[in-house]
C-alpha cells in the first residue's frame, strides 16, 4: 500500500496526526495530535459543565409531573439556543480542522527522507 494512503487512513480513521507520525514527520504529527486532544478535552469539559444543569431541570420537571417528550424537546432547544456553547464550538472546529488538514497533508506529503550524515574531519 502506498505510504501516503496508509498515512491518510491512519489520520482519518484512527487519530489525526498519526499519519504524519508514520510518514516520519514526528513534530507535525505530535502537534496535530495535541491540538486534536485539546479540542476534544474542551468539548468534553464544556459538556460536563452543562449536563448537571440539564439533569437538574429534568428532575425538577419530573417532580412537578410536567415532564413529557415535548418538555424534553423544549429543554434541549433552550440549551442549544443559549450562547454559552463557545468552548464546545471551538473544540469542534479545532478537531475538524486538524482532521481535514491531517488527511490532506498525509495524501499530498511524501515520506520524509533521513538527512544525510555530515562527516567532519
PDB file of N, CA and C in Angstrom:
ATOM      1  N   UNK A   1       0.842  -1.172   0.000  1.00  0.00           N
ATOM      2  CA  UNK A   1       0.000   0.000   0.000  1.00  0.00           C
ATOM      3  C   UNK A   1       0.895   1.245   0.000  1.00  0.00           C
ATOM      4  N   UNK A   2       0.482   2.221  -0.744  1.00  0.00           N
ATOM      5  CA  UNK A   2       1.192   3.491  -0.834  1.00  0.00           C
ATOM      6  C   UNK A   2       1.282   4.124   0.568  1.00  0.00           C
ATOM      7  N   UNK A   3       2.471   4.581   0.984  1.00  0.00           N
ATOM      8  CA  UNK A   3       2.602   5.154   2.331  1.00  0.00           C
ATOM      9  C   UNK A   3       1.691   6.363   2.574  1.00  0.00           C
ATOM     10  N   UNK A   4       1.450   7.164   1.538  1.00  0.00           N
ATOM     11  CA  UNK A   4       0.581   8.326   1.711  1.00  0.00           C
ATOM     12  C   UNK A   4      -0.860   7.909   1.968  1.00  0.00           C
ATOM     13  N   UNK A   5      -1.321   6.878   1.287  1.00  0.00           N
ATOM     14  CA  UNK A   5      -2.692   6.397   1.503  1.00  0.00           C
ATOM     15  C   UNK A   5      -2.815   5.773   2.889  1.00  0.00           C
ATOM     16  N   UNK A   6      -1.805   5.005   3.268  1.00  0.00           N
ATOM     17  CA  UNK A   6      -1.808   4.416   4.612  1.00  0.00           C
ATOM     18  C   UNK A   6      -1.829   5.517   5.671  1.00  0.00           C
ATOM     19  N   UNK A   7      -1.041   6.555   5.474  1.00  0.00           N
ATOM     20  CA  UNK A   7      -0.995   7.671   6.428  1.00  0.00           C
ATOM     21  C   UNK A   7      -2.335   8.399   6.479  1.00  0.00           C
ATOM     22  N   UNK A   8      -2.966   8.590   5.311  1.00  0.00           N
ATOM     23  CA  UNK A   8      -4.263   9.264   5.285  1.00  0.00           C
ATOM     24  C   UNK A   8      -5.318   8.433   6.003  1.00  0.00           C
ATOM     25  N   UNK A   9      -5.282   7.122   5.832  1.00  0.00           N
ATOM     26  CA  UNK A   9      -6.232   6.259   6.537  1.00  0.00           C
ATOM     27  C   UNK A   9      -6.003   6.304   8.045  1.00  0.00           C
ATOM     28  N   UNK A  10      -4.751   6.292   8.464  1.00  0.00           N
ATOM     29  CA  UNK A  10      -4.469   6.398   9.898  1.00  0.00           C
ATOM     30  C   UNK A  10      -4.944   7.734  10.455  1.00  0.00           C
ATOM     31  N   UNK A  11      -4.710   8.816   9.704  1.00  0.00           N
ATOM     32  CA  UNK A  11      -5.128  10.139  10.166  1.00  0.00           C
ATOM     33  C   UNK A  11      -6.647  10.292  10.145  1.00  0.00           C
ATOM     34  N   UNK A  12      -7.291   9.678   9.183  1.00  0.00           N
ATOM     35  CA  UNK A  12      -8.733   9.842   9.056  1.00  0.00           C
ATOM     36  C   UNK A  12      -9.550   8.910   9.918  1.00  0.00           C
ATOM     37  N   UNK A  13      -9.062   7.709  10.122  1.00  0.00           N
ATOM     38  CA  UNK A  13      -9.870   6.713  10.832  1.00  0.00           C
ATOM     39  C   UNK A  13      -9.416   6.447  12.261  1.00  0.00           C
ATOM     40  N   UNK A  14      -8.164   6.717  12.568  1.00  0.00           N
ATOM     41  CA  UNK A  14      -7.664   6.398  13.903  1.00  0.00           C
ATOM     42  C   UNK A  14      -7.494   7.667  14.733  1.00  0.00           C
ATOM     43  N   UNK A  15      -6.546   8.517  14.355  1.00  0.00           N
ATOM     44  CA  UNK A  15      -6.266   9.742  15.108  1.00  0.00           C
ATOM     45  C   UNK A  15      -5.574  10.738  14.189  1.00  0.00           C
ATOM     46  N   UNK A  16      -6.126  11.941  14.057  1.00  0.00           N
ATOM     47  CA  UNK A  16      -5.445  12.942  13.244  1.00  0.00           C
ATOM     48  C   UNK A  16      -4.025  13.180  13.751  1.00  0.00           C
ATOM     49  N   UNK A  17      -3.060  13.169  12.829  1.00  0.00           N
ATOM     50  CA  UNK A  17      -1.659  13.348  13.178  1.00  0.00           C
ATOM     51  C   UNK A  17      -0.878  12.049  13.179  1.00  0.00           C
ATOM     52  N   UNK A  18      -1.580  10.928  13.299  1.00  0.00           N
ATOM     53  CA  UNK A  18      -0.895   9.643  13.317  1.00  0.00           C
ATOM     54  C   UNK A  18      -0.276   9.333  11.954  1.00  0.00           C
ATOM     55  N   UNK A  19      -0.918   9.779  10.891  1.00  0.00           N
ATOM     56  CA  UNK A  19      -0.358   9.590   9.556  1.00  0.00           C
ATOM     57  C   UNK A  19       0.933  10.354   9.361  1.00  0.00           C
ATOM     58  N   UNK A  20       0.973  11.575   9.873  1.00  0.00           N
ATOM     59  CA  UNK A  20       2.200  12.358   9.774  1.00  0.00           C
ATOM     60  C   UNK A  20       3.318  11.687  10.569  1.00  0.00           C
ATOM     61  N   UNK A  21       2.961  11.128  11.687  1.00  0.00           N
ATOM     62  CA  UNK A  21       3.934  10.427  12.524  1.00  0.00           C
ATOM     63  C   UNK A  21       4.537   9.257  11.760  1.00  0.00           C
ATOM     64  N   UNK A  22       3.685   8.482  11.061  1.00  0.00           N
ATOM     65  CA  UNK A  22       4.193   7.323  10.320  1.00  0.00           C
ATOM     66  C   UNK A  22       4.981   7.728   9.078  1.00  0.00           C
ATOM     67  N   UNK A  23       4.735   8.925   8.564  1.00  0.00           N
ATOM     68  CA  UNK A  23       5.496   9.406   7.408  1.00  0.00           C
ATOM     69  C   UNK A  23       6.854   9.977   7.808  1.00  0.00           C
ATOM     70  N   UNK A  24       7.144   9.978   9.098  1.00  0.00           N
ATOM     71  CA  UNK A  24       8.426  10.481   9.557  1.00  0.00           C
ATOM     72  C   UNK A  24       8.419  11.946   9.923  1.00  0.00           C
ATOM     73  N   UNK A  25       7.254  12.521  10.027  1.00  0.00           N
ATOM     74  CA  UNK A  25       7.129  13.930  10.428  1.00  0.00           C
ATOM     75  C   UNK A  25       6.575  13.975  11.857  1.00  0.00           C
ATOM     76  N   UNK A  26       7.443  13.599  12.768  1.00  0.00           N
ATOM     77  CA  UNK A  26       7.034  13.435  14.157  1.00  0.00           C
ATOM     78  C   UNK A  26       6.575  14.707  14.833  1.00  0.00           C
ATOM     79  N   UNK A  27       7.268  15.828  14.597  1.00  0.00           N
ATOM     80  CA  UNK A  27       6.888  17.083  15.246  1.00  0.00           C
ATOM     81  C   UNK A  27       5.524  17.555  14.773  1.00  0.00           C
ATOM     82  N   UNK A  28       5.290  17.488  13.468  1.00  0.00           N
ATOM     83  CA  UNK A  28       3.991  17.895  12.940  1.00  0.00           C
ATOM     84  C   UNK A  28       2.896  16.960  13.438  1.00  0.00           C
ATOM     85  N   UNK A  29       3.174  15.659  13.432  1.00  0.00           N
ATOM     86  CA  UNK A  29       2.193  14.693  13.927  1.00  0.00           C
ATOM     87  C   UNK A  29       1.854  14.921  15.383  1.00  0.00           C
ATOM     88  N   UNK A  30       2.883  15.164  16.199  1.00  0.00           N
ATOM     89  CA  UNK A  30       2.647  15.408  17.628  1.00  0.00           C
ATOM     90  C   UNK A  30       1.851  16.692  17.842  1.00  0.00           C
ATOM     91  N   UNK A  31       2.116  17.715  17.033  1.00  0.00           N
ATOM     92  CA  UNK A  31       1.375  18.972  17.142  1.00  0.00           C
ATOM     93  C   UNK A  31      -0.092  18.761  16.797  1.00  0.00           C
ATOM     94  N   UNK A  32      -0.361  18.037  15.715  1.00  0.00           N
ATOM     95  CA  UNK A  32      -1.751  17.787  15.312  1.00  0.00           C
ATOM     96  C   UNK A  32      -2.465  16.941  16.361  1.00  0.00           C
ATOM     97  N   UNK A  33      -1.787  15.928  16.880  1.00  0.00           N
ATOM     98  CA  UNK A  33      -2.398  15.085  17.919  1.00  0.00           C
ATOM     99  C   UNK A  33      -2.712  15.926  19.153  1.00  0.00           C
ATOM    100  N   UNK A  34      -1.787  16.793  19.565  1.00  0.00           N
ATOM    101  CA  UNK A  34      -2.005  17.637  20.750  1.00  0.00           C
ATOM    102  C   UNK A  34      -3.181  18.590  20.544  1.00  0.00           C
ATOM    103  N   UNK A  35      -3.267  19.214  19.359  1.00  0.00           N
ATOM    104  CA  UNK A  35      -4.377  20.123  19.090  1.00  0.00           C
ATOM    105  C   UNK A  35      -5.708  19.388  19.049  1.00  0.00           C
ATOM    106  N   UNK A  36      -5.710  18.176  18.476  1.00  0.00           N
ATOM    107  CA  UNK A  36      -6.933  17.384  18.434  1.00  0.00           C
ATOM    108  C   UNK A  36      -7.386  17.012  19.844  1.00  0.00           C
ATOM    109  N   UNK A  37      -6.455  16.574  20.672  1.00  0.00           N
ATOM    110  CA  UNK A  37      -6.804  16.212  22.046  1.00  0.00           C
ATOM    111  C   UNK A  37      -7.230  17.434  22.860  1.00  0.00           C
ATOM    112  N   UNK A  38      -6.632  18.583  22.579  1.00  0.00           N
ATOM    113  CA  UNK A  38      -7.045  19.820  23.237  1.00  0.00           C
ATOM    114  C   UNK A  38      -8.491  20.171  22.870  1.00  0.00           C
ATOM    115  N   UNK A  39      -8.829  20.039  21.587  1.00  0.00           N
ATOM    116  CA  UNK A  39     -10.201  20.303  21.155  1.00  0.00           C
ATOM    117  C   UNK A  39     -11.190  19.327  21.771  1.00  0.00           C
ATOM    118  N   UNK A  40     -10.821  18.051  21.817  1.00  0.00           N
ATOM    119  CA  UNK A  40     -11.702  17.044  22.424  1.00  0.00           C
ATOM    120  C   UNK A  40     -11.871  17.313  23.917  1.00  0.00           C
ATOM    121  N   UNK A  41     -10.785  17.682  24.575  1.00  0.00           N
ATOM    122  CA  UNK A  41     -10.872  17.993  26.002  1.00  0.00           C
ATOM    123  C   UNK A  41     -11.759  19.189  26.272  1.00  0.00           C
ATOM    124  N   UNK A  42     -11.662  20.208  25.429  1.00  0.00           N
ATOM    125  CA  UNK A  42     -12.527  21.377  25.580  1.00  0.00           C
ATOM    126  C   UNK A  42     -13.995  21.034  25.400  1.00  0.00           C
ATOM    127  N   UNK A  43     -14.286  20.202  24.425  1.00  0.00           N
ATOM    128  CA  UNK A  43     -15.679  19.792  24.219  1.00  0.00           C
ATOM    129  C   UNK A  43     -16.196  18.983  25.405  1.00  0.00           C
ATOM    130  N   UNK A  44     -15.402  18.038  25.867  1.00  0.00           N
ATOM    131  CA  UNK A  44     -15.836  17.192  26.986  1.00  0.00           C
ATOM    132  C   UNK A  44     -16.018  18.026  28.250  1.00  0.00           C
ATOM    133  N   UNK A  45     -15.087  18.932  28.522  1.00  0.00           N
ATOM    134  CA  UNK A  45     -15.188  19.759  29.713  1.00  0.00           C
ATOM    135  C   UNK A  45     -16.419  20.671  29.643  1.00  0.00           C
ATOM    136  N   UNK A  46     -16.648  21.262  28.470  1.00  0.00           N
ATOM    137  CA  UNK A  46     -17.815  22.127  28.314  1.00  0.00           C
ATOM    138  C   UNK A  46     -19.122  21.373  28.479  1.00  0.00           C
ATOM    139  N   UNK A  47     -19.201  20.181  27.904  1.00  0.00           N
ATOM    140  CA  UNK A  47     -20.418  19.383  28.042  1.00  0.00           C
ATOM    141  C   UNK A  47     -20.594  18.889  29.474  1.00  0.00           C
ATOM    142  N   UNK A  48     -19.500  18.542  30.131  1.00  0.00           N
ATOM    143  CA  UNK A  48     -19.591  18.064  31.506  1.00  0.00           C
ATOM    144  C   UNK A  48     -20.114  19.159  32.437  1.00  0.00           C
ATOM    145  N   UNK A  49     -19.865  20.421  32.102  1.00  0.00           N
ATOM    146  CA  UNK A  49     -20.417  21.519  32.907  1.00  0.00           C
ATOM    147  C   UNK A  49     -21.912  21.676  32.702  1.00  0.00           C
ATOM    148  N   UNK A  50     -22.411  21.314  31.524  1.00  0.00           N
ATOM    149  CA  UNK A  50     -23.814  21.547  31.213  1.00  0.00           C
ATOM    150  C   UNK A  50     -24.727  20.389  31.615  1.00  0.00           C
ATOM    151  N   UNK A  51     -24.213  19.189  31.652  1.00  0.00           N
ATOM    152  CA  UNK A  51     -25.054  18.025  31.933  1.00  0.00           C
ATOM    153  C   UNK A  51     -25.726  18.106  33.299  1.00  0.00           C
ATOM    154  N   UNK A  52     -25.019  18.478  34.380  1.00  0.00           N
ATOM    155  CA  UNK A  52     -25.726  18.562  35.670  1.00  0.00           C
ATOM    156  C   UNK A  52     -26.878  19.566  35.667  1.00  0.00           C
ATOM    157  N   UNK A  53     -26.720  20.676  34.968  1.00  0.00           N
ATOM    158  CA  UNK A  53     -27.807  21.658  34.902  1.00  0.00           C
ATOM    159  C   UNK A  53     -29.013  21.094  34.162  1.00  0.00           C
ATOM    160  N   UNK A  54     -28.768  20.380  33.083  1.00  0.00           N
ATOM    161  CA  UNK A  54     -29.859  19.790  32.326  1.00  0.00           C
ATOM    162  C   UNK A  54     -30.553  18.703  33.140  1.00  0.00           C
ATOM    163  N   UNK A  55     -29.782  17.887  33.829  1.00  0.00           N
ATOM    164  CA  UNK A  55     -30.370  16.840  34.669  1.00  0.00           C
ATOM    165  C   UNK A  55     -31.199  17.463  35.785  1.00  0.00           C
ATOM    166  N   UNK A  56     -30.711  18.547  36.364  1.00  0.00           N
ATOM    167  CA  UNK A  56     -31.450  19.234  37.419  1.00  0.00           C
ATOM    168  C   UNK A  56     -32.791  19.751  36.895  1.00  0.00           C
ATOM    169  N   UNK A  57     -32.803  20.316  35.703  1.00  0.00           N
ATOM    170  CA  UNK A  57     -34.055  20.805  35.121  1.00  0.00           C
ATOM    171  C   UNK A  57     -35.015  19.654  34.838  1.00  0.00           C
ATOM    172  N   UNK A  58     -34.497  18.551  34.345  1.00  0.00           N
ATOM    173  CA  UNK A  58     -35.345  17.393  34.054  1.00  0.00           C
ATOM    174  C   UNK A  58     -35.921  16.828  35.353  1.00  0.00           C
ATOM    175  N   UNK A  59     -35.085  16.716  36.396  1.00  0.00           N
ATOM    176  CA  UNK A  59     -35.568  16.182  37.672  1.00  0.00           C
ATOM    177  C   UNK A  59     -36.645  17.086  38.274  1.00  0.00           C
ATOM    178  N   UNK A  60     -36.453  18.405  38.173  1.00  0.00           N
ATOM    179  CA  UNK A  60     -37.452  19.342  38.682  1.00  0.00           C
ATOM    180  C   UNK A  60     -38.782  19.164  37.948  1.00  0.00           C
ATOM    181  N   UNK A  61     -38.714  19.004  36.639  1.00  0.00           N
ATOM    182  CA  UNK A  61     -39.941  18.817  35.856  1.00  0.00           C
ATOM    183  C   UNK A  61     -40.596  17.470  36.175  1.00  0.00           C
ATOM    184  N   UNK A  62     -39.787  16.443  36.446  1.00  0.00           N
ATOM    185  CA  UNK A  62     -40.360  15.138  36.792  1.00  0.00           C
ATOM    186  C   UNK A  62     -41.043  15.194  38.152  1.00  0.00           C
ATOM    187  N   UNK A  63     -40.461  15.928  39.113  1.00  0.00           N
ATOM    188  CA  UNK A  63     -41.078  16.060  40.430  1.00  0.00           C
ATOM    189  C   UNK A  63     -42.405  16.808  40.348  1.00  0.00           C
ATOM    190  N   UNK A  64     -42.498  17.761  39.458  1.00  0.00           N
ATOM    191  CA  UNK A  64     -43.734  18.525  39.287  1.00  0.00           C
ATOM    192  C   UNK A  64     -44.753  17.760  38.450  1.00  0.00           C
ATOM    193  N   UNK A  65     -44.313  16.687  37.819  1.00  0.00           N
ATOM    194  CA  UNK A  65     -45.220  15.897  36.983  1.00  0.00           C
ATOM    195  C   UNK A  65     -45.494  16.525  35.638  1.00  0.00           C
ATOM    196  N   UNK A  66     -44.622  17.417  35.208  1.00  0.00           N
ATOM    197  CA  UNK A  66     -44.838  18.103  33.927  1.00  0.00           C
ATOM    198  C   UNK A  66     -43.888  17.615  32.840  1.00  0.00           C
ATOM    199  N   UNK A  67     -43.177  16.519  33.095  1.00  0.00           N
ATOM    200  CA  UNK A  67     -42.209  16.037  32.110  1.00  0.00           C
ATOM    201  C   UNK A  67     -42.922  15.246  31.024  1.00  0.00           C
ATOM    202  N   UNK A  68     -42.599  15.572  29.801  1.00  0.00           N
ATOM    203  CA  UNK A  68     -43.123  14.863  28.633  1.00  0.00           C
ATOM    204  C   UNK A  68     -42.065  14.929  27.547  1.00  0.00           C
ATOM    205  N   UNK A  69     -42.314  14.251  26.458  1.00  0.00           N
ATOM    206  CA  UNK A  69     -41.363  14.329  25.348  1.00  0.00           C
ATOM    207  C   UNK A  69     -41.257  15.753  24.821  1.00  0.00           C
ATOM    208  N   UNK A  70     -42.366  16.456  24.806  1.00  0.00           N
ATOM    209  CA  UNK A  70     -42.345  17.846  24.365  1.00  0.00           C
ATOM    210  C   UNK A  70     -41.527  18.703  25.334  1.00  0.00           C
ATOM    211  N   UNK A  71     -41.612  18.405  26.628  1.00  0.00           N
ATOM    212  CA  UNK A  71     -40.828  19.140  27.617  1.00  0.00           C
ATOM    213  C   UNK A  71     -39.336  18.909  27.450  1.00  0.00           C
ATOM    214  N   UNK A  72     -38.958  17.664  27.192  1.00  0.00           N
ATOM    215  CA  UNK A  72     -37.543  17.352  26.950  1.00  0.00           C
ATOM    216  C   UNK A  72     -37.064  18.063  25.688  1.00  0.00           C
ATOM    217  N   UNK A  73     -37.898  18.069  24.666  1.00  0.00           N
ATOM    218  CA  UNK A  73     -37.557  18.750  23.421  1.00  0.00           C
ATOM    219  C   UNK A  73     -37.363  20.244  23.664  1.00  0.00           C
ATOM    220  N   UNK A  74     -38.265  20.852  24.451  1.00  0.00           N
ATOM    221  CA  UNK A  74     -38.146  22.284  24.749  1.00  0.00           C
ATOM    222  C   UNK A  74     -36.880  22.589  25.541  1.00  0.00           C
ATOM    223  N   UNK A  75     -36.547  21.728  26.524  1.00  0.00           N
ATOM    224  CA  UNK A  75     -35.321  21.923  27.295  1.00  0.00           C
ATOM    225  C   UNK A  75     -34.082  21.840  26.409  1.00  0.00           C
ATOM    226  N   UNK A  76     -34.086  20.879  25.491  1.00  0.00           N
ATOM    227  CA  UNK A  76     -32.928  20.744  24.606  1.00  0.00           C
ATOM    228  C   UNK A  76     -32.815  21.939  23.666  1.00  0.00           C
ATOM    229  N   UNK A  77     -33.946  22.462  23.191  1.00  0.00           N
ATOM    230  CA  UNK A  77     -33.903  23.659  22.336  1.00  0.00           C
ATOM    231  C   UNK A  77     -33.388  24.869  23.103  1.00  0.00           C
ATOM    232  N   UNK A  78     -33.805  25.012  24.362  1.00  0.00           N
ATOM    233  CA  UNK A  78     -33.310  26.122  25.169  1.00  0.00           C
ATOM    234  C   UNK A  78     -31.801  26.021  25.365  1.00  0.00           C
ATOM    235  N   UNK A  79     -31.323  24.809  25.589  1.00  0.00           N
ATOM    236  CA  UNK A  79     -29.887  24.619  25.796  1.00  0.00           C
ATOM    237  C   UNK A  79     -29.099  24.942  24.533  1.00  0.00           C
ATOM    238  N   UNK A  80     -29.599  24.510  23.388  1.00  0.00           N
ATOM    239  CA  UNK A  80     -28.885  24.732  22.135  1.00  0.00           C
ATOM    240  C   UNK A  80     -28.905  26.202  21.740  1.00  0.00           C
ATOM    241  N   UNK A  81     -30.002  26.886  22.016  1.00  0.00           N
ATOM    242  CA  UNK A  81     -30.124  28.285  21.608  1.00  0.00           C
ATOM    243  C   UNK A  81     -29.382  29.248  22.517  1.00  0.00           C
ATOM    244  N   UNK A  82     -28.926  28.773  23.665  1.00  0.00           N
ATOM    245  CA  UNK A  82     -28.168  29.665  24.547  1.00  0.00           C
ATOM    246  C   UNK A  82     -26.814  29.954  23.912  1.00  0.00           C
ATOM    247  N   UNK A  83     -26.231  31.059  24.272  1.00  0.00           N
ATOM    248  CA  UNK A  83     -24.951  31.472  23.687  1.00  0.00           C
ATOM    249  C   UNK A  83     -23.764  30.989  24.503  1.00  0.00           C
ATOM    250  N   UNK A  84     -23.962  29.997  25.342  1.00  0.00           N
ATOM    251  CA  UNK A  84     -22.910  29.518  26.223  1.00  0.00           C
ATOM    252  C   UNK A  84     -22.224  28.270  25.674  1.00  0.00           C
ATOM    253  N   UNK A  85     -22.154  28.133  24.371  1.00  0.00           N
ATOM    254  CA  UNK A  85     -21.566  26.951  23.749  1.00  0.00           C
ATOM    255  C   UNK A  85     -20.255  27.262  23.046  1.00  0.00           C
ATOM    256  N   UNK A  86     -19.587  28.339  23.381  1.00  0.00           N
ATOM    257  CA  UNK A  86     -18.390  28.736  22.650  1.00  0.00           C
ATOM    258  C   UNK A  86     -17.262  27.728  22.800  1.00  0.00           C
ATOM    259  N   UNK A  87     -17.093  27.168  23.977  1.00  0.00           N
ATOM    260  CA  UNK A  87     -15.998  26.225  24.187  1.00  0.00           C
ATOM    261  C   UNK A  87     -16.190  24.950  23.364  1.00  0.00           C
ATOM    262  N   UNK A  88     -17.423  24.481  23.316  1.00  0.00           N
ATOM    263  CA  UNK A  88     -17.714  23.287  22.529  1.00  0.00           C
ATOM    264  C   UNK A  88     -17.533  23.547  21.037  1.00  0.00           C
ATOM    265  N   UNK A  89     -17.935  24.739  20.602  1.00  0.00           N
ATOM    266  CA  UNK A  89     -17.764  25.088  19.184  1.00  0.00           C
ATOM    267  C   UNK A  89     -16.294  25.189  18.802  1.00  0.00           C
ATOM    268  N   UNK A  90     -15.513  25.854  19.636  1.00  0.00           N
ATOM    269  CA  UNK A  90     -14.078  25.982  19.356  1.00  0.00           C
ATOM    270  C   UNK A  90     -13.434  24.597  19.322  1.00  0.00           C
ATOM    271  N   UNK A  91     -13.790  23.752  20.273  1.00  0.00           N
ATOM    272  CA  UNK A  91     -13.253  22.394  20.296  1.00  0.00           C
ATOM    273  C   UNK A  91     -13.632  21.606  19.057  1.00  0.00           C
ATOM    274  N   UNK A  92     -14.884  21.738  18.632  1.00  0.00           N
ATOM    275  CA  UNK A  92     -15.333  21.031  17.435  1.00  0.00           C
ATOM    276  C   UNK A  92     -14.614  21.540  16.189  1.00  0.00           C
ATOM    277  N   UNK A  93     -14.494  22.855  16.051  1.00  0.00           N
ATOM    278  CA  UNK A  93     -13.802  23.415  14.891  1.00  0.00           C
ATOM    279  C   UNK A  93     -12.329  23.029  14.883  1.00  0.00           C
ATOM    280  N   UNK A  94     -11.711  23.024  16.054  1.00  0.00           N
ATOM    281  CA  UNK A  94     -10.304  22.646  16.157  1.00  0.00           C
ATOM    282  C   UNK A  94     -10.103  21.186  15.757  1.00  0.00           C
ATOM    283  N   UNK A  95     -10.978  20.319  16.243  1.00  0.00           N
ATOM    284  CA  UNK A  95     -10.868  18.901  15.892  1.00  0.00           C
ATOM    285  C   UNK A  95     -11.123  18.674  14.402  1.00  0.00           C
ATOM    286  N   UNK A  96     -12.143  19.325  13.860  1.00  0.00           N
ATOM    287  CA  UNK A  96     -12.454  19.157  12.440  1.00  0.00           C
ATOM    288  C   UNK A  96     -11.331  19.708  11.562  1.00  0.00           C
ATOM    289  N   UNK A  97     -10.783  20.855  11.939  1.00  0.00           N
ATOM    290  CA  UNK A  97      -9.680  21.426  11.171  1.00  0.00           C
ATOM    291  C   UNK A  97      -8.449  20.540  11.190  1.00  0.00           C
ATOM    292  N   UNK A  98      -8.116  20.010  12.361  1.00  0.00           N
ATOM    293  CA  UNK A  98      -6.962  19.101  12.460  1.00  0.00           C
ATOM    294  C   UNK A  98      -7.196  17.846  11.635  1.00  0.00           C
ATOM    295  N   UNK A  99      -8.398  17.316  11.688  1.00  0.00           N
ATOM    296  CA  UNK A  99      -8.732  16.105  10.939  1.00  0.00           C
ATOM    297  C   UNK A  99      -8.590  16.339   9.438  1.00  0.00           C
ATOM    298  N   UNK A 100      -9.181  17.428   8.931  1.00  0.00           N
ATOM    299  CA  UNK A 100      -9.109  17.714   7.493  1.00  0.00           C
ATOM    300  C   UNK A 100      -7.671  18.003   7.056  1.00  0.00           C
ATOM    301  N   UNK A 101      -6.945  18.820   7.821  1.00  0.00           N
ATOM    302  CA  UNK A 101      -5.560  19.127   7.479  1.00  0.00           C
ATOM    303  C   UNK A 101      -4.714  17.862   7.481  1.00  0.00           C
ATOM    304  N   UNK A 102      -4.919  17.013   8.477  1.00  0.00           N
ATOM    305  CA  UNK A 102      -4.120  15.805   8.617  1.00  0.00           C
ATOM    306  C   UNK A 102      -4.328  14.857   7.436  1.00  0.00           C
ATOM    307  N   UNK A 103      -5.562  14.683   7.013  1.00  0.00           N
ATOM    308  CA  UNK A 103      -5.836  13.804   5.870  1.00  0.00           C
ATOM    309  C   UNK A 103      -5.246  14.395   4.597  1.00  0.00           C
ATOM    310  N   UNK A 104      -5.499  15.687   4.357  1.00  0.00           N
ATOM    311  CA  UNK A 104      -4.970  16.321   3.151  1.00  0.00           C
ATOM    312  C   UNK A 104      -3.456  16.310   3.104  1.00  0.00           C
ATOM    313  N   UNK A 105      -2.829  16.610   4.211  1.00  0.00           N
ATOM    314  CA  UNK A 105      -1.369  16.618   4.255  1.00  0.00           C
ATOM    315  C   UNK A 105      -0.810  15.223   4.043  1.00  0.00           C
ATOM    316  N   UNK A 106      -1.439  14.221   4.652  1.00  0.00           N
ATOM    317  CA  UNK A 106      -0.946  12.849   4.506  1.00  0.00           C
ATOM    318  C   UNK A 106      -1.056  12.376   3.064  1.00  0.00           C
ATOM    319  N   UNK A 107      -2.122  12.776   2.368  1.00  0.00           N
ATOM    320  CA  UNK A 107      -2.282  12.366   0.967  1.00  0.00           C
ATOM    321  C   UNK A 107      -1.274  13.059   0.058  1.00  0.00           C
ATOM    322  N   UNK A 108      -0.960  14.312   0.350  1.00  0.00           N
ATOM    323  CA  UNK A 108      -0.086  15.077  -0.538  1.00  0.00           C
ATOM    324  C   UNK A 108       1.396  14.969  -0.170  1.00  0.00           C
ATOM    325  N   UNK A 109       1.685  14.562   1.036  1.00  0.00           N
ATOM    326  CA  UNK A 109       3.071  14.522   1.501  1.00  0.00           C
ATOM    327  C   UNK A 109       3.732  13.202   1.120  1.00  0.00           C
ATOM    328  N   UNK A 110       5.014  13.268   1.016  1.00  0.00           N
ATOM    329  CA  UNK A 110       5.812  12.065   0.791  1.00  0.00           C
ATOM    330  C   UNK A 110       6.527  11.736   2.088  1.00  0.00           C
ATOM    331  N   UNK A 111       6.884  10.485   2.259  1.00  0.00           N
ATOM    332  CA  UNK A 111       7.647  10.156   3.470  1.00  0.00           C
ATOM    333  C   UNK A 111       8.927  10.973   3.523  1.00  0.00           C
ATOM    334  N   UNK A 112       9.246  11.448   4.712  1.00  0.00           N
ATOM    335  CA  UNK A 112      10.456  12.264   4.834  1.00  0.00           C
ATOM    336  C   UNK A 112      11.689  11.385   4.690  1.00  0.00           C
ATOM    337  N   UNK A 113      12.680  11.952   4.065  1.00  0.00           N
ATOM    338  CA  UNK A 113      13.928  11.235   3.853  1.00  0.00           C
ATOM    339  C   UNK A 113      14.866  11.546   5.003  1.00  0.00           C
ATOM    340  N   UNK A 114      15.610  10.569   5.462  1.00  0.00           N
ATOM    341  CA  UNK A 114      16.569  10.869   6.528  1.00  0.00           C
ATOM    342  C   UNK A 114      17.642  11.824   6.016  1.00  0.00           C
ATOM    343  N   UNK A 115      18.077  12.702   6.868  1.00  0.00           N
ATOM    344  CA  UNK A 115      19.097  13.665   6.484  1.00  0.00           C
ATOM    345  C   UNK A 115      20.428  12.952   6.317  1.00  0.00           C
ATOM    346  N   UNK A 116      21.171  13.338   5.306  1.00  0.00           N
ATOM    347  CA  UNK A 116      22.482  12.695   5.134  1.00  0.00           C
ATOM    348  C   UNK A 116      23.417  13.094   6.251  1.00  0.00           C
ATOM    349  N   UNK A 117      24.244  12.147   6.619  1.00  0.00           N
ATOM    350  CA  UNK A 117      25.193  12.409   7.693  1.00  0.00           C
ATOM    351  C   UNK A 117      26.301  13.330   7.184  1.00  0.00           C
ATOM    352  N   UNK A 118      26.681  14.268   8.010  1.00  0.00           N
ATOM    353  CA  UNK A 118      27.773  15.173   7.670  1.00  0.00           C
ATOM    354  C   UNK A 118      29.000  14.685   8.444  1.00  0.00           C
ATOM    355  N   UNK A 119      29.984  14.347   7.675  1.00  0.00           N
ATOM    356  CA  UNK A 119      31.216  13.857   8.288  1.00  0.00           C
ATOM    357  C   UNK A 119      32.182  15.005   8.448  1.00  0.00           C
ATOM    358  N   UNK A 120      32.618  15.183   9.636  1.00  0.00           N
ATOM    359  CA  UNK A 120      33.595  16.242   9.899  1.00  0.00           C
ATOM    360  C   UNK A 120      34.919  15.595  10.182  1.00  0.00           C
ATOM    361  N   UNK A 121      35.907  16.096   9.528  1.00  0.00           N
ATOM    362  CA  UNK A 121      37.245  15.533   9.721  1.00  0.00           C
ATOM    363  C   UNK A 121      38.163  16.496  10.403  1.00  0.00           C
TER     364      UNK A 121
END
